[in-house]
Amino acid sequence: MITKIRIFIKNLQQDTVVTNALSLEIATAVLLFEVMRADQNYDAAEKDKIVSLLQQQFSLNKADVLDILAVAEDESHHASDFYRFTSLINQHYELSDRIKIVELLWQVAYADQHLDAIEEHVIRRIADLLHLRHGEYIQCKLKIQNAQQTDNN
């Protein structure tokens, strides 16, 4: 894992990013980070949620996740769009896995107990790029929304 991150950083420094160096973990982390920063309010609950979700999704330890997040944050600030990240995910993940990623995005959006319209817009754009149908997008939202309401009661 650390080797992939080092290769990625080295390629960034040389201004020649090799597609293979962008791991699925980093691509997913960038998308999660984009949802977190969408509302311009970096909430600790959202960042903690991202760490937890990446640990669960990829069976990583916290140190590896924090390394990935450092790269993802930098990549997020320099990215002009989501295509590079979603295309990698589309190449390697089945529809059910892509649906799971959109569910993770919703979990980050709801982590601070408030859904902003811009967070919803970002998730919609990502879901479109991950080739989810509108019904699948709505099912993801409702699933996480219902889970949030159950957890709050």
N, C-alpha and C. Protein backbone atom coordinates (compact mmCIF):
# COMPACT_ATOMS: atom_id res chain seq x y z
N MET A 1 0.83 -1.19 0.00
CA MET A 1 0.00 0.00 0.00
C MET A 1 0.88 1.25 0.00
N ILE A 2 1.81 1.32 0.92
CA ILE A 2 2.70 2.48 1.02
C ILE A 2 3.50 2.63 -0.27
N THR A 3 3.89 1.53 -0.86
CA THR A 3 4.64 1.57 -2.11
C THR A 3 3.83 2.22 -3.22
N LYS A 4 2.54 1.88 -3.30
CA LYS A 4 1.67 2.49 -4.31
C LYS A 4 1.59 4.00 -4.10
N ILE A 5 1.47 4.41 -2.86
CA ILE A 5 1.37 5.83 -2.55
C ILE A 5 2.66 6.55 -2.91
N ARG A 6 3.79 5.96 -2.57
CA ARG A 6 5.07 6.57 -2.91
C ARG A 6 5.25 6.71 -4.42
N ILE A 7 4.86 5.68 -5.16
CA ILE A 7 4.95 5.73 -6.62
C ILE A 7 4.06 6.85 -7.14
N PHE A 8 2.86 6.95 -6.60
CA PHE A 8 1.92 7.98 -7.02
C PHE A 8 2.50 9.37 -6.76
N ILE A 9 3.05 9.59 -5.58
CA ILE A 9 3.62 10.90 -5.24
C ILE A 9 4.81 11.21 -6.14
N LYS A 10 5.66 10.22 -6.37
CA LYS A 10 6.82 10.42 -7.24
C LYS A 10 6.38 10.85 -8.64
N ASN A 11 5.34 10.19 -9.15
CA ASN A 11 4.83 10.55 -10.48
C ASN A 11 4.23 11.94 -10.50
N LEU A 12 3.57 12.33 -9.42
CA LEU A 12 3.03 13.68 -9.35
C LEU A 12 4.15 14.71 -9.39
N GLN A 13 5.22 14.42 -8.70
CA GLN A 13 6.33 15.35 -8.66
C GLN A 13 6.98 15.49 -10.04
N GLN A 14 6.93 14.46 -10.84
CA GLN A 14 7.50 14.50 -12.18
C GLN A 14 6.49 15.01 -13.21
N ASP A 15 5.29 15.34 -12.76
CA ASP A 15 4.21 15.82 -13.63
C ASP A 15 3.83 14.82 -14.71
N THR A 16 4.10 13.55 -14.48
CA THR A 16 3.64 12.51 -15.38
C THR A 16 2.97 11.44 -14.54
N VAL A 17 1.68 11.52 -14.44
CA VAL A 17 0.94 10.58 -13.62
C VAL A 17 0.65 9.33 -14.43
N VAL A 18 1.07 8.23 -13.91
CA VAL A 18 0.81 6.94 -14.54
C VAL A 18 -0.50 6.42 -13.98
N THR A 19 -1.43 6.08 -14.86
CA THR A 19 -2.76 5.66 -14.44
C THR A 19 -2.71 4.50 -13.46
N ASN A 20 -1.82 3.55 -13.65
CA ASN A 20 -1.74 2.40 -12.76
C ASN A 20 -1.33 2.78 -11.35
N ALA A 21 -0.67 3.90 -11.18
CA ALA A 21 -0.23 4.32 -9.85
C ALA A 21 -1.40 4.82 -9.01
N LEU A 22 -2.47 5.22 -9.64
CA LEU A 22 -3.65 5.68 -8.92
C LEU A 22 -4.42 4.44 -8.51
N SER A 23 -4.36 4.13 -7.25
CA SER A 23 -5.01 2.92 -6.76
C SER A 23 -6.51 3.14 -6.56
N LEU A 24 -7.23 2.06 -6.49
CA LEU A 24 -8.66 2.14 -6.22
C LEU A 24 -8.92 2.78 -4.86
N GLU A 25 -8.04 2.51 -3.91
CA GLU A 25 -8.19 3.09 -2.57
C GLU A 25 -8.08 4.61 -2.63
N ILE A 26 -7.09 5.09 -3.37
CA ILE A 26 -6.90 6.54 -3.49
C ILE A 26 -8.06 7.16 -4.27
N ALA A 27 -8.47 6.52 -5.35
CA ALA A 27 -9.58 7.04 -6.15
C ALA A 27 -10.84 7.15 -5.30
N THR A 28 -11.12 6.13 -4.53
CA THR A 28 -12.29 6.14 -3.66
C THR A 28 -12.16 7.21 -2.59
N ALA A 29 -10.97 7.33 -2.01
CA ALA A 29 -10.73 8.33 -0.97
C ALA A 29 -10.91 9.74 -1.51
N VAL A 30 -10.47 9.98 -2.74
CA VAL A 30 -10.64 11.31 -3.35
C VAL A 30 -12.13 11.64 -3.46
N LEU A 31 -12.93 10.68 -3.91
CA LEU A 31 -14.36 10.92 -4.05
C LEU A 31 -15.02 11.19 -2.70
N LEU A 32 -14.63 10.43 -1.69
CA LEU A 32 -15.15 10.66 -0.34
C LEU A 32 -14.74 12.04 0.16
N PHE A 33 -13.50 12.40 -0.09
CA PHE A 33 -12.99 13.70 0.33
C PHE A 33 -13.73 14.83 -0.37
N GLU A 34 -14.06 14.63 -1.65
CA GLU A 34 -14.80 15.65 -2.41
C GLU A 34 -16.17 15.92 -1.78
N VAL A 35 -16.83 14.87 -1.31
CA VAL A 35 -18.11 15.07 -0.64
C VAL A 35 -17.92 15.82 0.67
N MET A 36 -16.87 15.47 1.40
CA MET A 36 -16.61 16.14 2.68
C MET A 36 -16.36 17.63 2.48
N ARG A 37 -15.61 17.99 1.47
CA ARG A 37 -15.26 19.40 1.29
C ARG A 37 -16.26 20.18 0.44
N ALA A 38 -17.29 19.51 -0.04
CA ALA A 38 -18.27 20.16 -0.93
C ALA A 38 -18.93 21.36 -0.28
N ASP A 39 -19.26 21.25 0.99
CA ASP A 39 -19.98 22.35 1.67
C ASP A 39 -19.04 23.36 2.32
N GLN A 40 -17.74 23.25 2.05
CA GLN A 40 -16.73 24.16 2.60
C GLN A 40 -16.65 24.11 4.12
N ASN A 41 -17.23 23.09 4.72
CA ASN A 41 -17.22 22.94 6.17
C ASN A 41 -16.59 21.60 6.51
N TYR A 42 -15.31 21.62 6.86
CA TYR A 42 -14.59 20.38 7.17
C TYR A 42 -14.93 19.98 8.59
N ASP A 43 -15.80 19.02 8.72
CA ASP A 43 -16.26 18.57 10.02
C ASP A 43 -15.45 17.35 10.46
N ALA A 44 -15.07 17.32 11.73
CA ALA A 44 -14.29 16.20 12.25
C ALA A 44 -15.06 14.89 12.13
N ALA A 45 -16.37 14.95 12.28
CA ALA A 45 -17.19 13.75 12.17
C ALA A 45 -17.11 13.17 10.76
N GLU A 46 -17.07 14.06 9.76
CA GLU A 46 -16.97 13.59 8.38
C GLU A 46 -15.61 12.94 8.11
N LYS A 47 -14.55 13.56 8.60
CA LYS A 47 -13.22 12.98 8.39
C LYS A 47 -13.09 11.65 9.11
N ASP A 48 -13.59 11.58 10.34
CA ASP A 48 -13.56 10.31 11.08
C ASP A 48 -14.35 9.24 10.35
N LYS A 49 -15.46 9.65 9.75
CA LYS A 49 -16.29 8.72 9.00
C LYS A 49 -15.53 8.20 7.78
N ILE A 50 -14.82 9.07 7.10
CA ILE A 50 -14.04 8.65 5.93
C ILE A 50 -12.97 7.64 6.35
N VAL A 51 -12.27 7.92 7.43
CA VAL A 51 -11.24 7.00 7.92
C VAL A 51 -11.86 5.64 8.20
N SER A 52 -12.96 5.64 8.92
CA SER A 52 -13.65 4.40 9.27
C SER A 52 -14.12 3.64 8.03
N LEU A 53 -14.72 4.35 7.09
CA LEU A 53 -15.24 3.71 5.88
C LEU A 53 -14.13 3.10 5.03
N LEU A 54 -13.01 3.81 4.90
CA LEU A 54 -11.89 3.27 4.13
C LEU A 54 -11.28 2.06 4.81
N GLN A 55 -11.21 2.10 6.13
CA GLN A 55 -10.69 0.94 6.86
C GLN A 55 -11.57 -0.27 6.60
N GLN A 56 -12.88 -0.08 6.67
CA GLN A 56 -13.81 -1.19 6.46
C GLN A 56 -13.82 -1.65 5.01
N GLN A 57 -13.90 -0.71 4.08
CA GLN A 57 -14.04 -1.04 2.66
C GLN A 57 -12.83 -1.80 2.12
N PHE A 58 -11.63 -1.40 2.55
CA PHE A 58 -10.42 -1.98 1.98
C PHE A 58 -9.60 -2.79 2.98
N SER A 59 -10.14 -3.01 4.16
CA SER A 59 -9.46 -3.80 5.20
C SER A 59 -8.05 -3.25 5.46
N LEU A 60 -7.97 -1.97 5.73
CA LEU A 60 -6.70 -1.30 5.97
C LEU A 60 -6.58 -0.88 7.43
N ASN A 61 -5.34 -0.70 7.87
CA ASN A 61 -5.15 -0.15 9.21
C ASN A 61 -5.22 1.37 9.13
N LYS A 62 -5.34 1.99 10.29
CA LYS A 62 -5.55 3.44 10.33
C LYS A 62 -4.37 4.21 9.73
N ALA A 63 -3.15 3.73 9.96
CA ALA A 63 -1.96 4.41 9.42
C ALA A 63 -2.00 4.45 7.90
N ASP A 64 -2.35 3.32 7.28
CA ASP A 64 -2.44 3.27 5.81
C ASP A 64 -3.54 4.20 5.31
N VAL A 65 -4.66 4.23 6.01
CA VAL A 65 -5.77 5.10 5.60
C VAL A 65 -5.36 6.56 5.70
N LEU A 66 -4.64 6.92 6.74
CA LEU A 66 -4.20 8.31 6.88
C LEU A 66 -3.22 8.69 5.78
N ASP A 67 -2.36 7.76 5.38
CA ASP A 67 -1.46 8.01 4.24
C ASP A 67 -2.25 8.21 2.95
N ILE A 68 -3.24 7.37 2.75
CA ILE A 68 -4.08 7.47 1.56
C ILE A 68 -4.83 8.80 1.56
N LEU A 69 -5.35 9.18 2.71
CA LEU A 69 -6.09 10.45 2.80
C LEU A 69 -5.20 11.65 2.50
N ALA A 70 -3.95 11.59 2.91
CA ALA A 70 -3.04 12.70 2.62
C ALA A 70 -2.87 12.86 1.11
N VAL A 71 -2.70 11.75 0.42
CA VAL A 71 -2.57 11.79 -1.04
C VAL A 71 -3.91 12.22 -1.67
N ALA A 72 -5.01 11.67 -1.15
CA ALA A 72 -6.33 11.98 -1.69
C ALA A 72 -6.67 13.46 -1.52
N GLU A 73 -6.32 14.02 -0.39
CA GLU A 73 -6.59 15.44 -0.18
C GLU A 73 -5.83 16.30 -1.18
N ASP A 74 -4.57 15.99 -1.36
CA ASP A 74 -3.77 16.74 -2.33
C ASP A 74 -4.33 16.57 -3.74
N GLU A 75 -4.66 15.35 -4.08
CA GLU A 75 -5.20 15.06 -5.41
C GLU A 75 -6.54 15.77 -5.62
N SER A 76 -7.34 15.80 -4.59
CA SER A 76 -8.64 16.46 -4.65
C SER A 76 -8.49 17.95 -4.94
N HIS A 77 -7.52 18.58 -4.32
CA HIS A 77 -7.32 20.01 -4.53
C HIS A 77 -6.80 20.34 -5.93
N HIS A 78 -6.17 19.37 -6.57
CA HIS A 78 -5.60 19.60 -7.91
C HIS A 78 -6.46 19.04 -9.04
N ALA A 79 -7.50 18.30 -8.70
CA ALA A 79 -8.33 17.67 -9.73
C ALA A 79 -9.29 18.69 -10.34
N SER A 80 -9.45 18.61 -11.64
CA SER A 80 -10.39 19.50 -12.31
C SER A 80 -11.76 18.84 -12.49
N ASP A 81 -11.79 17.52 -12.37
CA ASP A 81 -13.05 16.79 -12.46
C ASP A 81 -12.90 15.44 -11.77
N PHE A 82 -13.95 14.64 -11.82
CA PHE A 82 -13.97 13.33 -11.16
C PHE A 82 -13.67 12.19 -12.12
N TYR A 83 -13.58 12.47 -13.40
CA TYR A 83 -13.52 11.41 -14.41
C TYR A 83 -12.36 10.44 -14.19
N ARG A 84 -11.19 10.97 -13.90
CA ARG A 84 -10.01 10.10 -13.73
C ARG A 84 -10.23 9.08 -12.63
N PHE A 85 -10.91 9.48 -11.59
CA PHE A 85 -11.14 8.60 -10.44
C PHE A 85 -12.28 7.62 -10.71
N THR A 86 -13.36 8.14 -11.28
CA THR A 86 -14.50 7.26 -11.54
C THR A 86 -14.21 6.27 -12.67
N SER A 87 -13.41 6.67 -13.64
CA SER A 87 -13.11 5.74 -14.74
C SER A 87 -12.29 4.55 -14.22
N LEU A 88 -11.38 4.81 -13.30
CA LEU A 88 -10.60 3.72 -12.70
C LEU A 88 -11.52 2.77 -11.94
N ILE A 89 -12.43 3.34 -11.18
CA ILE A 89 -13.38 2.52 -10.42
C ILE A 89 -14.27 1.73 -11.38
N ASN A 90 -14.74 2.37 -12.44
CA ASN A 90 -15.58 1.67 -13.42
C ASN A 90 -14.84 0.51 -14.07
N GLN A 91 -13.55 0.65 -14.31
CA GLN A 91 -12.77 -0.41 -14.94
C GLN A 91 -12.63 -1.63 -14.05
N HIS A 92 -12.60 -1.42 -12.74
CA HIS A 92 -12.26 -2.52 -11.83
C HIS A 92 -13.41 -3.01 -10.96
N TYR A 93 -14.51 -2.27 -10.91
CA TYR A 93 -15.61 -2.64 -10.03
C TYR A 93 -16.87 -2.98 -10.80
N GLU A 94 -17.57 -3.96 -10.28
CA GLU A 94 -18.89 -4.31 -10.79
C GLU A 94 -19.90 -3.28 -10.30
N LEU A 95 -21.09 -3.32 -10.85
CA LEU A 95 -22.15 -2.38 -10.47
C LEU A 95 -22.41 -2.42 -8.97
N SER A 96 -22.48 -3.59 -8.38
CA SER A 96 -22.77 -3.69 -6.94
C SER A 96 -21.70 -2.99 -6.11
N ASP A 97 -20.45 -3.05 -6.54
CA ASP A 97 -19.36 -2.36 -5.84
C ASP A 97 -19.47 -0.85 -6.02
N ARG A 98 -19.86 -0.42 -7.19
CA ARG A 98 -20.03 1.01 -7.45
C ARG A 98 -21.20 1.57 -6.64
N ILE A 99 -22.24 0.77 -6.49
CA ILE A 99 -23.36 1.17 -5.64
C ILE A 99 -22.89 1.32 -4.20
N LYS A 100 -22.05 0.41 -3.75
CA LYS A 100 -21.51 0.48 -2.39
C LYS A 100 -20.71 1.78 -2.21
N ILE A 101 -19.95 2.18 -3.22
CA ILE A 101 -19.18 3.42 -3.12
C ILE A 101 -20.12 4.62 -2.99
N VAL A 102 -21.20 4.63 -3.73
CA VAL A 102 -22.16 5.74 -3.62
C VAL A 102 -22.80 5.73 -2.23
N GLU A 103 -23.04 4.56 -1.68
CA GLU A 103 -23.54 4.50 -0.29
C GLU A 103 -22.52 5.10 0.67
N LEU A 104 -21.25 4.85 0.44
CA LEU A 104 -20.20 5.44 1.28
C LEU A 104 -20.23 6.96 1.17
N LEU A 105 -20.44 7.46 -0.04
CA LEU A 105 -20.52 8.92 -0.25
C LEU A 105 -21.67 9.51 0.57
N TRP A 106 -22.80 8.83 0.55
CA TRP A 106 -23.94 9.31 1.34
C TRP A 106 -23.64 9.27 2.84
N GLN A 107 -22.92 8.26 3.27
CA GLN A 107 -22.56 8.18 4.70
C GLN A 107 -21.70 9.37 5.11
N VAL A 108 -20.79 9.77 4.25
CA VAL A 108 -19.97 10.94 4.55
C VAL A 108 -20.84 12.20 4.59
N ALA A 109 -21.74 12.33 3.63
CA ALA A 109 -22.60 13.51 3.58
C ALA A 109 -23.47 13.64 4.83
N TYR A 110 -23.92 12.52 5.35
CA TYR A 110 -24.78 12.54 6.54
C TYR A 110 -24.00 12.47 7.86
N ALA A 111 -22.69 12.36 7.80
CA ALA A 111 -21.89 12.20 9.02
C ALA A 111 -22.02 13.37 9.98
N ASP A 112 -22.22 14.57 9.44
CA ASP A 112 -22.37 15.75 10.30
C ASP A 112 -23.83 16.06 10.62
N GLN A 113 -24.71 15.09 10.34
CA GLN A 113 -26.14 15.20 10.63
C GLN A 113 -26.86 16.26 9.80
N HIS A 114 -26.22 16.73 8.73
CA HIS A 114 -26.83 17.75 7.89
C HIS A 114 -26.42 17.51 6.44
N LEU A 115 -27.41 17.43 5.57
CA LEU A 115 -27.14 17.25 4.15
C LEU A 115 -27.29 18.59 3.44
N ASP A 116 -26.20 19.05 2.85
CA ASP A 116 -26.24 20.28 2.07
C ASP A 116 -26.56 19.94 0.61
N ALA A 117 -27.20 20.88 -0.06
CA ALA A 117 -27.56 20.68 -1.47
C ALA A 117 -26.32 20.43 -2.32
N ILE A 118 -25.22 21.09 -2.00
CA ILE A 118 -24.00 20.91 -2.79
C ILE A 118 -23.43 19.50 -2.61
N GLU A 119 -23.56 18.93 -1.41
CA GLU A 119 -23.12 17.55 -1.18
C GLU A 119 -23.95 16.59 -2.04
N GLU A 120 -25.24 16.82 -2.06
CA GLU A 120 -26.13 16.00 -2.88
C GLU A 120 -25.78 16.12 -4.36
N HIS A 121 -25.48 17.33 -4.80
CA HIS A 121 -25.10 17.56 -6.19
C HIS A 121 -23.81 16.81 -6.55
N VAL A 122 -22.82 16.87 -5.68
CA VAL A 122 -21.55 16.18 -5.93
C VAL A 122 -21.79 14.67 -6.01
N ILE A 123 -22.57 14.14 -5.10
CA ILE A 123 -22.85 12.70 -5.12
C ILE A 123 -23.59 12.33 -6.41
N ARG A 124 -24.52 13.16 -6.83
CA ARG A 124 -25.25 12.89 -8.08
C ARG A 124 -24.29 12.85 -9.28
N ARG A 125 -23.38 13.80 -9.34
CA ARG A 125 -22.41 13.82 -10.44
C ARG A 125 -21.54 12.56 -10.43
N ILE A 126 -21.08 12.18 -9.25
CA ILE A 126 -20.23 10.99 -9.13
C ILE A 126 -21.03 9.74 -9.51
N ALA A 127 -22.27 9.65 -9.03
CA ALA A 127 -23.11 8.49 -9.35
C ALA A 127 -23.33 8.38 -10.86
N ASP A 128 -23.53 9.52 -11.51
CA ASP A 128 -23.67 9.51 -12.98
C ASP A 128 -22.40 8.97 -13.64
N LEU A 129 -21.25 9.43 -13.18
CA LEU A 129 -19.98 8.98 -13.76
C LEU A 129 -19.69 7.51 -13.45
N LEU A 130 -20.29 6.99 -12.38
CA LEU A 130 -20.15 5.57 -12.04
C LEU A 130 -21.23 4.72 -12.72
N HIS A 131 -21.99 5.36 -13.59
CA HIS A 131 -23.01 4.69 -14.41
C HIS A 131 -24.13 4.06 -13.58
N LEU A 132 -24.53 4.72 -12.50
CA LEU A 132 -25.68 4.28 -11.74
C LEU A 132 -26.93 4.90 -12.36
N ARG A 133 -27.98 4.11 -12.41
CA ARG A 133 -29.27 4.64 -12.86
C ARG A 133 -29.85 5.50 -11.73
N HIS A 134 -30.78 6.36 -12.10
CA HIS A 134 -31.37 7.27 -11.11
C HIS A 134 -32.00 6.48 -9.95
N GLY A 135 -32.65 5.40 -10.24
CA GLY A 135 -33.27 4.58 -9.21
C GLY A 135 -32.24 4.02 -8.22
N GLU A 136 -31.09 3.61 -8.74
CA GLU A 136 -30.03 3.08 -7.87
C GLU A 136 -29.47 4.19 -6.98
N TYR A 137 -29.33 5.37 -7.55
CA TYR A 137 -28.86 6.53 -6.81
C TYR A 137 -29.82 6.85 -5.65
N ILE A 138 -31.12 6.87 -5.95
CA ILE A 138 -32.13 7.16 -4.93
C ILE A 138 -32.16 6.06 -3.87
N GLN A 139 -32.05 4.80 -4.28
CA GLN A 139 -32.03 3.70 -3.31
C GLN A 139 -30.86 3.83 -2.34
N CYS A 140 -29.71 4.23 -2.85
CA CYS A 140 -28.53 4.43 -1.99
C CYS A 140 -28.82 5.53 -0.96
N LYS A 141 -29.37 6.63 -1.45
CA LYS A 141 -29.67 7.75 -0.57
C LYS A 141 -30.66 7.34 0.52
N LEU A 142 -31.74 6.69 0.12
CA LEU A 142 -32.77 6.29 1.08
C LEU A 142 -32.24 5.26 2.09
N LYS A 143 -31.41 4.35 1.62
CA LYS A 143 -30.85 3.34 2.51
C LYS A 143 -30.04 4.00 3.62
N ILE A 144 -29.18 4.93 3.26
CA ILE A 144 -28.32 5.60 4.25
C ILE A 144 -29.15 6.57 5.09
N GLN A 145 -30.08 7.25 4.48
CA GLN A 145 -30.95 8.17 5.20
C GLN A 145 -31.75 7.42 6.27
N ASN A 146 -32.31 6.28 5.91
CA ASN A 146 -33.07 5.47 6.87
C ASN A 146 -32.18 4.93 7.97
N ALA A 147 -30.96 4.52 7.63
CA ALA A 147 -30.01 4.04 8.64
C ALA A 147 -29.66 5.15 9.62
N GLN A 148 -29.48 6.38 9.09
CA GLN A 148 -29.18 7.53 9.94
C GLN A 148 -30.33 7.79 10.91
N GLN A 149 -31.56 7.74 10.42
CA GLN A 149 -32.72 7.99 11.27
C GLN A 149 -32.85 6.93 12.34
N THR A 150 -32.55 5.66 11.98
CA THR A 150 -32.61 4.57 12.95
C THR A 150 -31.54 4.74 14.02
N ASP A 151 -30.34 5.16 13.60
CA ASP A 151 -29.25 5.36 14.55
C ASP A 151 -29.52 6.52 15.50
N ASN A 152 -30.23 7.53 15.03
CA ASN A 152 -30.52 8.71 15.85
C ASN A 152 -31.66 8.47 16.83
N ASN A 153 -32.44 7.43 16.60
CA ASN A 153 -33.58 7.14 17.51
C ASN A 153 -33.21 6.21 18.60
